[in-house]
């Protein structure tokens, strides 16, 4: 019986130690959605996968679905957002975005647009940013709207289909209360 190999981009959203040298990873993949995959002997110092499979990394990974779940084949690291962050506030934003992904994206459902939005947001947040908290709230609202937790009509029109860098921070301040209200309603309704 042959197994199909899937090669895709992924964000490493969490690691879980198993046995002595094995580790499981929570990966948000572009083509397969959120999934858990295991790698054998990756905690050994001689492992070639060890460096690439760090939390907050954007990787290109080959995955094989076996009887017991997903297995990681080859891995190449494209970048680590946490290490690229220019200061402590930027690292905090990277952690918040990954926590947001972990909290609201579940299951092996394909979300290529959402994946692209998350990687673009992570690229934006690793640099210097004025009104960082406001941009984080806008991203949260946009992701919740894409996942169906918020009506798309609740997202201000000037925030749709533009990158975070194109949004003016003063516009975010004007819509702050509406953004916060819709996020709180979505969090309560989702029960996550």
C-alpha atoms as a PDB file:
ATOM      1  CA  UNK A   1       0.000   0.000   0.000  1.00  0.00           C
ATOM      2  CA  UNK A   2       1.479   3.323  -1.017  1.00  0.00           C
ATOM      3  CA  UNK A   3       0.877   6.584   0.763  1.00  0.00           C
ATOM      4  CA  UNK A   4       0.341   9.978  -0.833  1.00  0.00           C
ATOM      5  CA  UNK A   5       2.818  12.721   0.094  1.00  0.00           C
ATOM      6  CA  UNK A   6       1.515  16.270   0.457  1.00  0.00           C
ATOM      7  CA  UNK A   7       3.989  19.142   0.203  1.00  0.00           C
ATOM      8  CA  UNK A   8       2.732  22.442   1.547  1.00  0.00           C
ATOM      9  CA  UNK A   9       3.637  25.565   3.470  1.00  0.00           C
ATOM     10  CA  UNK A  10       2.821  25.583   7.177  1.00  0.00           C
ATOM     11  CA  UNK A  11       3.106  27.717  10.289  1.00  0.00           C
ATOM     12  CA  UNK A  12       4.295  25.801  13.363  1.00  0.00           C
ATOM     13  CA  UNK A  13       1.694  26.670  16.019  1.00  0.00           C
ATOM     14  CA  UNK A  14       2.762  24.366  18.819  1.00  0.00           C
ATOM     15  CA  UNK A  15       4.985  21.468  19.853  1.00  0.00           C
ATOM     16  CA  UNK A  16       4.264  18.542  22.141  1.00  0.00           C
ATOM     17  CA  UNK A  17       6.935  16.156  23.409  1.00  0.00           C
ATOM     18  CA  UNK A  18       6.238  12.442  23.024  1.00  0.00           C
ATOM     19  CA  UNK A  19       8.311   9.544  24.230  1.00  0.00           C
ATOM     20  CA  UNK A  20      12.022  10.188  24.597  1.00  0.00           C
ATOM     21  CA  UNK A  21      12.968  11.799  21.298  1.00  0.00           C
ATOM     22  CA  UNK A  22       9.707  12.164  19.354  1.00  0.00           C
ATOM     23  CA  UNK A  23       7.575  15.265  19.083  1.00  0.00           C
ATOM     24  CA  UNK A  24       4.130  16.163  17.737  1.00  0.00           C
ATOM     25  CA  UNK A  25       3.485  19.463  15.999  1.00  0.00           C
ATOM     26  CA  UNK A  26       0.381  21.530  15.505  1.00  0.00           C
ATOM     27  CA  UNK A  27       0.655  22.879  11.970  1.00  0.00           C
ATOM     28  CA  UNK A  28      -1.563  25.378  10.173  1.00  0.00           C
ATOM     29  CA  UNK A  29      -1.037  24.366   6.563  1.00  0.00           C
ATOM     30  CA  UNK A  30      -2.046  26.215   3.428  1.00  0.00           C
ATOM     31  CA  UNK A  31      -3.675  23.267   1.655  1.00  0.00           C
ATOM     32  CA  UNK A  32      -4.738  20.981   4.519  1.00  0.00           C
ATOM     33  CA  UNK A  33      -5.840  23.324   7.320  1.00  0.00           C
ATOM     34  CA  UNK A  34      -4.949  22.749  10.971  1.00  0.00           C
ATOM     35  CA  UNK A  35      -3.515  19.340  11.766  1.00  0.00           C
ATOM     36  CA  UNK A  36      -1.274  17.439  14.137  1.00  0.00           C
ATOM     37  CA  UNK A  37       1.766  15.690  12.706  1.00  0.00           C
ATOM     38  CA  UNK A  38       4.482  13.679  14.391  1.00  0.00           C
ATOM     39  CA  UNK A  39       8.203  13.506  13.758  1.00  0.00           C
ATOM     40  CA  UNK A  40      10.428  10.733  15.034  1.00  0.00           C
ATOM     41  CA  UNK A  41      13.733  11.374  16.776  1.00  0.00           C
ATOM     42  CA  UNK A  42      13.463  15.108  16.151  1.00  0.00           C
ATOM     43  CA  UNK A  43      14.614  16.011  19.686  1.00  0.00           C
ATOM     44  CA  UNK A  44      18.052  14.483  19.143  1.00  0.00           C
ATOM     45  CA  UNK A  45      20.887  16.899  18.568  1.00  0.00           C
ATOM     46  CA  UNK A  46      21.785  15.139  15.334  1.00  0.00           C
ATOM     47  CA  UNK A  47      18.286  15.653  13.850  1.00  0.00           C
ATOM     48  CA  UNK A  48      18.236  17.706  10.667  1.00  0.00           C
ATOM     49  CA  UNK A  49      14.567  18.642  11.189  1.00  0.00           C
ATOM     50  CA  UNK A  50      15.107  20.067  14.660  1.00  0.00           C
ATOM     51  CA  UNK A  51      16.035  23.606  13.597  1.00  0.00           C
ATOM     52  CA  UNK A  52      13.236  24.027  11.061  1.00  0.00           C
ATOM     53  CA  UNK A  53      10.456  22.742  13.323  1.00  0.00           C
ATOM     54  CA  UNK A  54      10.532  25.518  15.918  1.00  0.00           C
ATOM     55  CA  UNK A  55       7.431  27.368  17.097  1.00  0.00           C
ATOM     56  CA  UNK A  56       6.485  30.430  15.002  1.00  0.00           C
ATOM     57  CA  UNK A  57       8.334  29.124  11.926  1.00  0.00           C
ATOM     58  CA  UNK A  58       7.041  29.272   8.376  1.00  0.00           C
ATOM     59  CA  UNK A  59       8.116  26.000   6.805  1.00  0.00           C
ATOM     60  CA  UNK A  60       7.759  23.957   3.667  1.00  0.00           C
ATOM     61  CA  UNK A  61       6.898  20.458   4.786  1.00  0.00           C
ATOM     62  CA  UNK A  62       6.151  17.067   3.239  1.00  0.00           C
ATOM     63  CA  UNK A  63       3.371  15.226   5.062  1.00  0.00           C
ATOM     64  CA  UNK A  64       2.210  11.639   4.788  1.00  0.00           C
ATOM     65  CA  UNK A  65      -1.115  10.451   6.194  1.00  0.00           C
ATOM     66  CA  UNK A  66      -0.714   7.039   7.766  1.00  0.00           C
ATOM     67  CA  UNK A  67      -2.930   4.794   9.854  1.00  0.00           C
ATOM     68  CA  UNK A  68      -2.084   6.611  13.081  1.00  0.00           C
ATOM     69  CA  UNK A  69      -2.232  10.164  11.657  1.00  0.00           C
ATOM     70  CA  UNK A  70       0.037  12.594   9.875  1.00  0.00           C
ATOM     71  CA  UNK A  71       3.806  12.040   9.720  1.00  0.00           C
ATOM     72  CA  UNK A  72       6.388  14.676   8.856  1.00  0.00           C
ATOM     73  CA  UNK A  73       8.810  13.833   6.075  1.00  0.00           C
ATOM     74  CA  UNK A  74      11.218  16.481   4.844  1.00  0.00           C
ATOM     75  CA  UNK A  75      11.161  20.027   6.205  1.00  0.00           C
ATOM     76  CA  UNK A  76      12.799  23.275   5.156  1.00  0.00           C
ATOM     77  CA  UNK A  77      12.489  26.448   7.188  1.00  0.00           C
ATOM     78  CA  UNK A  78      11.626  29.573   5.248  1.00  0.00           C
ATOM     79  CA  UNK A  79      11.697  31.944   8.223  1.00  0.00           C
ATOM     80  CA  UNK A  80      10.997  32.183  11.930  1.00  0.00           C
ATOM     81  CA  UNK A  81       8.765  35.159  12.714  1.00  0.00           C
ATOM     82  CA  UNK A  82       9.702  35.248  16.388  1.00  0.00           C
ATOM     83  CA  UNK A  83      13.417  35.491  15.603  1.00  0.00           C
ATOM     84  CA  UNK A  84      12.805  38.100  12.891  1.00  0.00           C
ATOM     85  CA  UNK A  85      10.857  40.383  15.246  1.00  0.00           C
ATOM     86  CA  UNK A  86      12.674  43.673  15.834  1.00  0.00           C
ATOM     87  CA  UNK A  87      11.699  44.177  19.481  1.00  0.00           C
ATOM     88  CA  UNK A  88       9.720  42.778  22.383  1.00  0.00           C
ATOM     89  CA  UNK A  89       6.429  44.330  21.221  1.00  0.00           C
ATOM     90  CA  UNK A  90       6.858  42.722  17.797  1.00  0.00           C
ATOM     91  CA  UNK A  91       7.526  39.329  19.397  1.00  0.00           C
ATOM     92  CA  UNK A  92       4.377  39.799  21.471  1.00  0.00           C
ATOM     93  CA  UNK A  93       2.354  40.456  18.321  1.00  0.00           C
ATOM     94  CA  UNK A  94       3.740  37.308  16.682  1.00  0.00           C
ATOM     95  CA  UNK A  95       2.703  35.259  19.715  1.00  0.00           C
ATOM     96  CA  UNK A  96      -0.790  36.835  19.689  1.00  0.00           C
ATOM     97  CA  UNK A  97      -1.338  36.040  16.007  1.00  0.00           C
ATOM     98  CA  UNK A  98      -0.290  32.400  16.476  1.00  0.00           C
ATOM     99  CA  UNK A  99      -2.543  32.100  19.546  1.00  0.00           C
ATOM    100  CA  UNK A 100      -5.397  33.526  17.491  1.00  0.00           C
ATOM    101  CA  UNK A 101      -4.775  30.903  14.805  1.00  0.00           C
ATOM    102  CA  UNK A 102      -4.655  28.118  17.397  1.00  0.00           C
ATOM    103  CA  UNK A 103      -7.834  29.269  19.087  1.00  0.00           C
ATOM    104  CA  UNK A 104     -10.170  29.733  16.144  1.00  0.00           C
ATOM    105  CA  UNK A 105      -8.883  27.536  13.309  1.00  0.00           C
ATOM    106  CA  UNK A 106      -9.708  23.899  13.837  1.00  0.00           C
ATOM    107  CA  UNK A 107      -9.892  20.840  11.669  1.00  0.00           C
ATOM    108  CA  UNK A 108      -8.427  19.788   8.403  1.00  0.00           C
ATOM    109  CA  UNK A 109     -10.251  22.277   6.250  1.00  0.00           C
ATOM    110  CA  UNK A 110      -8.475  24.141   3.473  1.00  0.00           C
ATOM    111  CA  UNK A 111      -8.112  27.903   4.102  1.00  0.00           C
ATOM    112  CA  UNK A 112      -5.549  29.210   1.573  1.00  0.00           C
ATOM    113  CA  UNK A 113      -6.804  32.826   1.760  1.00  0.00           C
ATOM    114  CA  UNK A 114      -6.726  32.742   5.547  1.00  0.00           C
ATOM    115  CA  UNK A 115      -3.215  31.272   5.493  1.00  0.00           C
ATOM    116  CA  UNK A 116      -2.036  34.037   3.162  1.00  0.00           C
ATOM    117  CA  UNK A 117      -3.671  36.660   5.419  1.00  0.00           C
ATOM    118  CA  UNK A 118      -1.904  35.239   8.479  1.00  0.00           C
ATOM    119  CA  UNK A 119       1.524  35.117   6.848  1.00  0.00           C
ATOM    120  CA  UNK A 120       1.109  38.689   5.533  1.00  0.00           C
ATOM    121  CA  UNK A 121       0.063  39.833   9.012  1.00  0.00           C
ATOM    122  CA  UNK A 122       3.041  38.113  10.607  1.00  0.00           C
ATOM    123  CA  UNK A 123       5.350  39.796   8.082  1.00  0.00           C
ATOM    124  CA  UNK A 124       3.742  43.135   9.002  1.00  0.00           C
ATOM    125  CA  UNK A 125       3.990  42.635  12.778  1.00  0.00           C
ATOM    126  CA  UNK A 126       7.689  41.641  12.876  1.00  0.00           C
ATOM    127  CA  UNK A 127       8.659  45.218  12.032  1.00  0.00           C
ATOM    128  CA  UNK A 128       8.121  48.525  13.796  1.00  0.00           C
ATOM    129  CA  UNK A 129       4.462  49.394  14.024  1.00  0.00           C
ATOM    130  CA  UNK A 130       2.605  52.376  15.456  1.00  0.00           C
ATOM    131  CA  UNK A 131      -0.750  51.557  17.112  1.00  0.00           C
ATOM    132  CA  UNK A 132       0.179  47.853  17.225  1.00  0.00           C
ATOM    133  CA  UNK A 133      -2.815  46.919  19.399  1.00  0.00           C
ATOM    134  CA  UNK A 134      -5.244  48.527  16.952  1.00  0.00           C
ATOM    135  CA  UNK A 135      -3.822  46.581  14.023  1.00  0.00           C
ATOM    136  CA  UNK A 136      -4.016  43.361  16.054  1.00  0.00           C
ATOM    137  CA  UNK A 137      -7.730  44.017  16.680  1.00  0.00           C
ATOM    138  CA  UNK A 138      -8.342  44.686  12.973  1.00  0.00           C
ATOM    139  CA  UNK A 139      -6.624  41.410  12.088  1.00  0.00           C
ATOM    140  CA  UNK A 140      -8.679  39.558  14.694  1.00  0.00           C
ATOM    141  CA  UNK A 141     -11.903  40.981  13.291  1.00  0.00           C
ATOM    142  CA  UNK A 142     -10.920  40.122   9.711  1.00  0.00           C
ATOM    143  CA  UNK A 143      -9.985  36.531  10.588  1.00  0.00           C
ATOM    144  CA  UNK A 144     -13.185  36.006  12.569  1.00  0.00           C
ATOM    145  CA  UNK A 145     -15.193  37.365   9.631  1.00  0.00           C
ATOM    146  CA  UNK A 146     -13.441  34.976   7.204  1.00  0.00           C
ATOM    147  CA  UNK A 147     -14.189  32.067   9.532  1.00  0.00           C
ATOM    148  CA  UNK A 148     -17.849  33.068   9.804  1.00  0.00           C
ATOM    149  CA  UNK A 149     -17.883  34.147  13.460  1.00  0.00           C
ATOM    150  CA  UNK A 150     -18.607  37.774  12.474  1.00  0.00           C
ATOM    151  CA  UNK A 151     -20.850  39.018   9.697  1.00  0.00           C
ATOM    152  CA  UNK A 152     -18.738  40.519   6.924  1.00  0.00           C
ATOM    153  CA  UNK A 153     -21.019  43.569   6.997  1.00  0.00           C
ATOM    154  CA  UNK A 154     -19.716  44.297  10.540  1.00  0.00           C
ATOM    155  CA  UNK A 155     -16.183  44.765   9.185  1.00  0.00           C
ATOM    156  CA  UNK A 156     -15.646  48.381   8.059  1.00  0.00           C
ATOM    157  CA  UNK A 157     -15.442  48.517   4.272  1.00  0.00           C
ATOM    158  CA  UNK A 158     -12.058  50.262   4.268  1.00  0.00           C
ATOM    159  CA  UNK A 159     -10.519  47.269   6.139  1.00  0.00           C
ATOM    160  CA  UNK A 160     -11.619  44.653   3.600  1.00  0.00           C
ATOM    161  CA  UNK A 161      -9.307  43.476   0.812  1.00  0.00           C
ATOM    162  CA  UNK A 162      -6.360  45.690   1.800  1.00  0.00           C
ATOM    163  CA  UNK A 163      -3.152  44.793   3.562  1.00  0.00           C
ATOM    164  CA  UNK A 164      -2.646  45.922   7.143  1.00  0.00           C
ATOM    165  CA  UNK A 165       0.097  48.310   6.049  1.00  0.00           C
ATOM    166  CA  UNK A 166      -2.406  50.200   3.849  1.00  0.00           C
ATOM    167  CA  UNK A 167      -4.807  50.882   6.734  1.00  0.00           C
ATOM    168  CA  UNK A 168      -4.415  54.270   8.432  1.00  0.00           C
ATOM    169  CA  UNK A 169      -4.046  54.060  12.218  1.00  0.00           C
ATOM    170  CA  UNK A 170      -6.377  57.057  12.722  1.00  0.00           C
ATOM    171  CA  UNK A 171      -9.147  55.152  10.905  1.00  0.00           C
ATOM    172  CA  UNK A 172      -8.674  52.253  13.306  1.00  0.00           C
ATOM    173  CA  UNK A 173      -9.131  54.633  16.257  1.00  0.00           C
ATOM    174  CA  UNK A 174     -12.434  55.875  14.792  1.00  0.00           C
ATOM    175  CA  UNK A 175     -13.819  52.317  14.560  1.00  0.00           C
ATOM    176  CA  UNK A 176     -12.273  50.957  17.779  1.00  0.00           C
ATOM    177  CA  UNK A 177     -15.498  50.481  19.767  1.00  0.00           C
ATOM    178  CA  UNK A 178     -17.316  48.766  16.868  1.00  0.00           C
ATOM    179  CA  UNK A 179     -14.352  46.457  16.263  1.00  0.00           C
ATOM    180  CA  UNK A 180     -14.101  45.528  19.943  1.00  0.00           C
ATOM    181  CA  UNK A 181     -17.868  44.942  20.203  1.00  0.00           C
ATOM    182  CA  UNK A 182     -17.924  42.570  17.220  1.00  0.00           C
ATOM    183  CA  UNK A 183     -14.888  40.644  18.509  1.00  0.00           C
ATOM    184  CA  UNK A 184     -16.432  40.180  21.959  1.00  0.00           C
ATOM    185  CA  UNK A 185     -19.710  38.988  20.415  1.00  0.00           C
ATOM    186  CA  UNK A 186     -17.828  36.503  18.228  1.00  0.00           C
ATOM    187  CA  UNK A 187     -15.806  35.183  21.175  1.00  0.00           C
ATOM    188  CA  UNK A 188     -18.972  34.648  23.214  1.00  0.00           C
ATOM    189  CA  UNK A 189     -20.839  33.030  20.321  1.00  0.00           C
ATOM    190  CA  UNK A 190     -17.940  30.728  19.359  1.00  0.00           C
ATOM    191  CA  UNK A 191     -17.469  29.452  22.927  1.00  0.00           C
ATOM    192  CA  UNK A 192     -13.769  28.989  22.144  1.00  0.00           C
END
